[in-house]
Amino acid sequence: MPRSSAVHVAVEAFAERADRLDVLVNNAGGFGTHGPFATRGQVDMDAVVAMNLSAVLYTTHAALAQVRRQRAGRIVTLRPRAGGWQCTIWRCTTPARQT
């Protein structure tokens, strides 16, 4: 799993090449390896947290910095939910306002 600083570098490099970052779609999710939950060890649990939480937080943080500099952009986070997908949209229109 990439470190926060590596994610920031990647997002900044993309925004520089593309001239801006209009939309970030976080679509992380999964449970890693297959098998009974009771047999999972600490390494497996750490991998699940890294994939489902840390990656989304690092990427959102890096993208938010770029979106705020631009004073426009969208961050969309999809997450699995029983019975389907739930979508959360964070809209940043100015550096001082986030909804």
N, C-alpha and C. Protein backbone atom coordinates (compact mmCIF):
# COMPACT_ATOMS: atom_id res chain seq x y z
N MET A 1 0.85 -1.18 0.00
CA MET A 1 0.00 0.00 0.00
C MET A 1 0.89 1.24 0.00
N PRO A 2 0.60 2.20 -0.87
CA PRO A 2 1.42 3.41 -0.93
C PRO A 2 1.31 4.24 0.34
N ARG A 3 2.35 4.95 0.62
CA ARG A 3 2.32 5.88 1.75
C ARG A 3 1.65 7.17 1.32
N SER A 4 1.21 7.94 2.30
CA SER A 4 0.51 9.18 2.03
C SER A 4 1.32 10.11 1.13
N SER A 5 2.63 10.23 1.39
CA SER A 5 3.47 11.13 0.58
C SER A 5 3.53 10.67 -0.88
N ALA A 6 3.57 9.37 -1.10
CA ALA A 6 3.61 8.85 -2.48
C ALA A 6 2.30 9.15 -3.21
N VAL A 7 1.19 9.07 -2.50
CA VAL A 7 -0.11 9.37 -3.11
C VAL A 7 -0.19 10.86 -3.46
N HIS A 8 0.30 11.73 -2.57
CA HIS A 8 0.31 13.17 -2.86
C HIS A 8 1.14 13.46 -4.11
N VAL A 9 2.30 12.83 -4.23
CA VAL A 9 3.15 13.02 -5.40
C VAL A 9 2.43 12.56 -6.67
N ALA A 10 1.76 11.42 -6.60
CA ALA A 10 1.05 10.89 -7.78
C ALA A 10 -0.10 11.81 -8.20
N VAL A 11 -0.88 12.30 -7.24
CA VAL A 11 -2.00 13.20 -7.56
C VAL A 11 -1.48 14.50 -8.14
N GLU A 12 -0.44 15.06 -7.56
CA GLU A 12 0.14 16.30 -8.08
C GLU A 12 0.70 16.12 -9.48
N ALA A 13 1.34 14.99 -9.73
CA ALA A 13 1.89 14.72 -11.07
C ALA A 13 0.77 14.61 -12.09
N PHE A 14 -0.32 13.94 -11.72
CA PHE A 14 -1.45 13.83 -12.63
C PHE A 14 -2.04 15.20 -12.93
N ALA A 15 -2.28 15.99 -11.89
CA ALA A 15 -2.88 17.32 -12.07
C ALA A 15 -1.99 18.21 -12.92
N GLU A 16 -0.69 18.07 -12.78
CA GLU A 16 0.24 18.86 -13.59
C GLU A 16 0.15 18.45 -15.07
N ARG A 17 0.13 17.15 -15.33
CA ARG A 17 0.03 16.68 -16.72
C ARG A 17 -1.31 17.03 -17.35
N ALA A 18 -2.37 16.95 -16.57
CA ALA A 18 -3.72 17.18 -17.11
C ALA A 18 -4.16 18.64 -16.95
N ASP A 19 -3.35 19.45 -16.35
CA ASP A 19 -3.64 20.86 -16.06
C ASP A 19 -4.61 21.07 -14.90
N ARG A 20 -5.28 20.00 -14.44
CA ARG A 20 -6.19 20.13 -13.31
C ARG A 20 -6.72 18.75 -12.94
N LEU A 21 -7.39 18.71 -11.82
CA LEU A 21 -8.06 17.49 -11.37
C LEU A 21 -9.53 17.83 -11.20
N ASP A 22 -10.37 17.33 -12.09
CA ASP A 22 -11.79 17.64 -12.03
C ASP A 22 -12.57 16.70 -11.13
N VAL A 23 -12.26 15.40 -11.19
CA VAL A 23 -13.02 14.42 -10.42
C VAL A 23 -12.09 13.32 -9.91
N LEU A 24 -12.24 12.99 -8.64
CA LEU A 24 -11.61 11.80 -8.08
C LEU A 24 -12.75 10.86 -7.70
N VAL A 25 -12.69 9.62 -8.16
CA VAL A 25 -13.65 8.61 -7.75
C VAL A 25 -12.90 7.55 -6.95
N ASN A 26 -13.19 7.52 -5.66
CA ASN A 26 -12.65 6.48 -4.79
C ASN A 26 -13.57 5.27 -4.91
N ASN A 27 -13.01 4.15 -5.34
CA ASN A 27 -13.81 2.94 -5.50
C ASN A 27 -13.08 1.76 -4.86
N ALA A 28 -12.55 2.00 -3.66
CA ALA A 28 -11.85 0.93 -2.94
C ALA A 28 -12.87 0.02 -2.29
N GLY A 29 -12.50 -1.19 -2.12
CA GLY A 29 -13.37 -2.10 -1.40
C GLY A 29 -12.97 -3.53 -1.64
N GLY A 30 -13.09 -4.28 -0.63
CA GLY A 30 -12.77 -5.68 -0.74
C GLY A 30 -12.33 -6.22 0.59
N PHE A 31 -12.12 -7.50 0.61
CA PHE A 31 -11.74 -8.14 1.85
C PHE A 31 -10.42 -8.87 1.71
N GLY A 32 -9.69 -8.59 0.64
CA GLY A 32 -8.38 -9.20 0.49
C GLY A 32 -8.46 -10.66 0.12
N THR A 33 -7.79 -11.49 0.89
CA THR A 33 -7.75 -12.92 0.60
C THR A 33 -9.09 -13.57 0.92
N HIS A 34 -9.30 -14.75 0.36
CA HIS A 34 -10.54 -15.47 0.58
C HIS A 34 -10.36 -16.51 1.67
N GLY A 35 -11.43 -16.85 2.32
CA GLY A 35 -11.39 -17.88 3.35
C GLY A 35 -12.18 -17.46 4.57
N PRO A 36 -12.30 -18.33 5.52
CA PRO A 36 -13.06 -18.02 6.73
C PRO A 36 -12.45 -16.86 7.51
N PHE A 37 -13.31 -15.97 7.96
CA PHE A 37 -12.86 -14.81 8.72
C PHE A 37 -12.07 -15.23 9.97
N ALA A 38 -12.51 -16.28 10.62
CA ALA A 38 -11.88 -16.73 11.86
C ALA A 38 -10.42 -17.13 11.67
N THR A 39 -10.03 -17.42 10.44
CA THR A 39 -8.64 -17.84 10.19
C THR A 39 -7.75 -16.67 9.80
N ARG A 40 -8.30 -15.47 9.72
CA ARG A 40 -7.51 -14.30 9.32
C ARG A 40 -6.58 -13.88 10.45
N GLY A 41 -5.37 -13.49 10.07
CA GLY A 41 -4.40 -13.01 11.05
C GLY A 41 -4.26 -11.49 10.99
N GLN A 42 -3.33 -10.98 11.78
CA GLN A 42 -3.10 -9.53 11.86
C GLN A 42 -2.70 -8.95 10.51
N VAL A 43 -1.87 -9.65 9.75
CA VAL A 43 -1.42 -9.16 8.44
C VAL A 43 -2.62 -8.99 7.51
N ASP A 44 -3.52 -9.97 7.52
CA ASP A 44 -4.73 -9.86 6.69
C ASP A 44 -5.59 -8.68 7.11
N MET A 45 -5.78 -8.49 8.40
CA MET A 45 -6.62 -7.39 8.89
C MET A 45 -5.99 -6.03 8.54
N ASP A 46 -4.66 -5.93 8.67
CA ASP A 46 -3.98 -4.69 8.32
C ASP A 46 -4.14 -4.38 6.83
N ALA A 47 -4.10 -5.41 6.00
CA ALA A 47 -4.27 -5.22 4.55
C ALA A 47 -5.68 -4.75 4.23
N VAL A 48 -6.68 -5.27 4.93
CA VAL A 48 -8.07 -4.84 4.71
C VAL A 48 -8.24 -3.37 5.08
N VAL A 49 -7.68 -2.96 6.21
CA VAL A 49 -7.77 -1.56 6.64
C VAL A 49 -7.02 -0.66 5.65
N ALA A 50 -5.86 -1.09 5.20
CA ALA A 50 -5.09 -0.29 4.24
C ALA A 50 -5.86 -0.10 2.94
N MET A 51 -6.51 -1.16 2.46
CA MET A 51 -7.24 -1.07 1.19
C MET A 51 -8.52 -0.27 1.32
N ASN A 52 -9.28 -0.50 2.37
CA ASN A 52 -10.61 0.07 2.48
C ASN A 52 -10.66 1.41 3.19
N LEU A 53 -9.66 1.74 3.97
CA LEU A 53 -9.68 3.00 4.71
C LEU A 53 -8.49 3.89 4.36
N SER A 54 -7.29 3.41 4.59
CA SER A 54 -6.11 4.24 4.40
C SER A 54 -5.98 4.74 2.96
N ALA A 55 -6.18 3.88 1.99
CA ALA A 55 -6.04 4.29 0.59
C ALA A 55 -7.03 5.39 0.24
N VAL A 56 -8.26 5.25 0.71
CA VAL A 56 -9.29 6.27 0.43
C VAL A 56 -8.93 7.59 1.12
N LEU A 57 -8.51 7.51 2.38
CA LEU A 57 -8.15 8.74 3.10
C LEU A 57 -6.96 9.45 2.47
N TYR A 58 -5.90 8.70 2.14
CA TYR A 58 -4.71 9.31 1.54
C TYR A 58 -5.05 9.96 0.20
N THR A 59 -5.80 9.25 -0.63
CA THR A 59 -6.13 9.76 -1.96
C THR A 59 -7.05 10.97 -1.87
N THR A 60 -8.04 10.90 -0.99
CA THR A 60 -8.95 12.03 -0.81
C THR A 60 -8.20 13.25 -0.29
N HIS A 61 -7.31 13.05 0.65
CA HIS A 61 -6.53 14.17 1.21
C HIS A 61 -5.69 14.83 0.13
N ALA A 62 -5.03 14.03 -0.68
CA ALA A 62 -4.20 14.57 -1.76
C ALA A 62 -5.05 15.29 -2.80
N ALA A 63 -6.16 14.70 -3.17
CA ALA A 63 -7.03 15.33 -4.18
C ALA A 63 -7.67 16.60 -3.63
N LEU A 64 -8.04 16.60 -2.37
CA LEU A 64 -8.67 17.78 -1.77
C LEU A 64 -7.73 18.98 -1.80
N ALA A 65 -6.45 18.74 -1.57
CA ALA A 65 -5.48 19.84 -1.64
C ALA A 65 -5.48 20.45 -3.04
N GLN A 66 -5.51 19.61 -4.06
CA GLN A 66 -5.52 20.09 -5.45
C GLN A 66 -6.83 20.79 -5.78
N VAL A 67 -7.95 20.21 -5.38
CA VAL A 67 -9.28 20.78 -5.65
C VAL A 67 -9.40 22.15 -4.99
N ARG A 68 -8.90 22.27 -3.79
CA ARG A 68 -8.97 23.57 -3.09
C ARG A 68 -8.11 24.61 -3.79
N ARG A 69 -6.93 24.21 -4.29
CA ARG A 69 -6.08 25.16 -5.03
C ARG A 69 -6.81 25.64 -6.29
N GLN A 70 -7.49 24.74 -6.94
CA GLN A 70 -8.23 25.06 -8.17
C GLN A 70 -9.52 25.81 -7.90
N ARG A 71 -10.02 25.69 -6.67
CA ARG A 71 -11.29 26.26 -6.26
C ARG A 71 -12.47 25.61 -6.97
N ALA A 72 -12.28 24.37 -7.41
CA ALA A 72 -13.36 23.61 -8.06
C ALA A 72 -12.94 22.16 -8.17
N GLY A 73 -13.92 21.29 -8.25
CA GLY A 73 -13.66 19.87 -8.44
C GLY A 73 -14.62 19.03 -7.63
N ARG A 74 -14.58 17.74 -7.85
CA ARG A 74 -15.47 16.81 -7.16
C ARG A 74 -14.68 15.63 -6.63
N ILE A 75 -15.07 15.16 -5.46
CA ILE A 75 -14.53 13.93 -4.89
C ILE A 75 -15.72 13.03 -4.60
N VAL A 76 -15.73 11.88 -5.23
CA VAL A 76 -16.83 10.93 -5.09
C VAL A 76 -16.27 9.66 -4.46
N THR A 77 -16.90 9.21 -3.39
CA THR A 77 -16.47 7.98 -2.73
C THR A 77 -17.61 6.97 -2.78
N LEU A 78 -17.33 5.84 -3.41
CA LEU A 78 -18.29 4.74 -3.47
C LEU A 78 -17.92 3.73 -2.40
N ARG A 79 -18.90 3.19 -1.76
CA ARG A 79 -18.61 2.15 -0.79
C ARG A 79 -19.69 1.09 -0.85
N PRO A 80 -19.29 -0.16 -0.68
CA PRO A 80 -20.30 -1.22 -0.71
C PRO A 80 -21.22 -1.10 0.48
N ARG A 81 -22.46 -1.42 0.27
CA ARG A 81 -23.47 -1.39 1.32
C ARG A 81 -24.40 -2.57 1.08
N ALA A 82 -24.94 -3.12 2.13
CA ALA A 82 -25.86 -4.25 1.97
C ALA A 82 -26.98 -3.85 1.02
N GLY A 83 -27.17 -4.62 -0.02
CA GLY A 83 -28.24 -4.34 -0.96
C GLY A 83 -27.85 -3.43 -2.10
N GLY A 84 -26.59 -3.01 -2.20
CA GLY A 84 -26.19 -2.16 -3.32
C GLY A 84 -25.07 -1.22 -2.94
N TRP A 85 -24.89 -0.20 -3.75
CA TRP A 85 -23.81 0.77 -3.54
C TRP A 85 -24.38 2.07 -3.01
N GLN A 86 -23.61 2.74 -2.18
CA GLN A 86 -23.97 4.05 -1.68
C GLN A 86 -22.93 5.04 -2.16
N CYS A 87 -23.35 6.19 -2.58
CA CYS A 87 -22.43 7.18 -3.12
C CYS A 87 -22.45 8.42 -2.24
N THR A 88 -21.28 8.92 -1.91
CA THR A 88 -21.14 10.17 -1.17
C THR A 88 -20.37 11.14 -2.04
N ILE A 89 -20.88 12.34 -2.21
CA ILE A 89 -20.20 13.33 -3.04
C ILE A 89 -19.82 14.52 -2.16
N TRP A 90 -18.53 14.87 -2.20
CA TRP A 90 -18.05 16.06 -1.53
C TRP A 90 -17.81 17.10 -2.60
N ARG A 91 -18.45 18.22 -2.49
CA ARG A 91 -18.30 19.27 -3.49
C ARG A 91 -17.52 20.42 -2.87
N CYS A 92 -16.44 20.77 -3.51
CA CYS A 92 -15.59 21.86 -3.01
C CYS A 92 -15.64 22.99 -4.03
N THR A 93 -16.32 24.06 -3.68
CA THR A 93 -16.44 25.16 -4.62
C THR A 93 -15.45 26.29 -4.32
N THR A 94 -15.06 26.42 -3.08
CA THR A 94 -14.05 27.41 -2.71
C THR A 94 -13.19 26.80 -1.61
N PRO A 95 -11.99 27.33 -1.37
CA PRO A 95 -11.15 26.77 -0.32
C PRO A 95 -11.82 26.83 1.08
N ALA A 96 -12.71 27.76 1.30
CA ALA A 96 -13.33 27.91 2.60
C ALA A 96 -14.61 27.11 2.76
N ARG A 97 -15.17 26.64 1.67
CA ARG A 97 -16.46 25.95 1.73
C ARG A 97 -16.34 24.54 1.22
N GLN A 98 -16.76 23.60 2.05
CA GLN A 98 -16.82 22.20 1.65
C GLN A 98 -18.17 21.67 2.09
N THR A 99 -18.89 21.04 1.16
CA THR A 99 -20.17 20.46 1.54
C THR A 99 -20.21 19.03 1.08
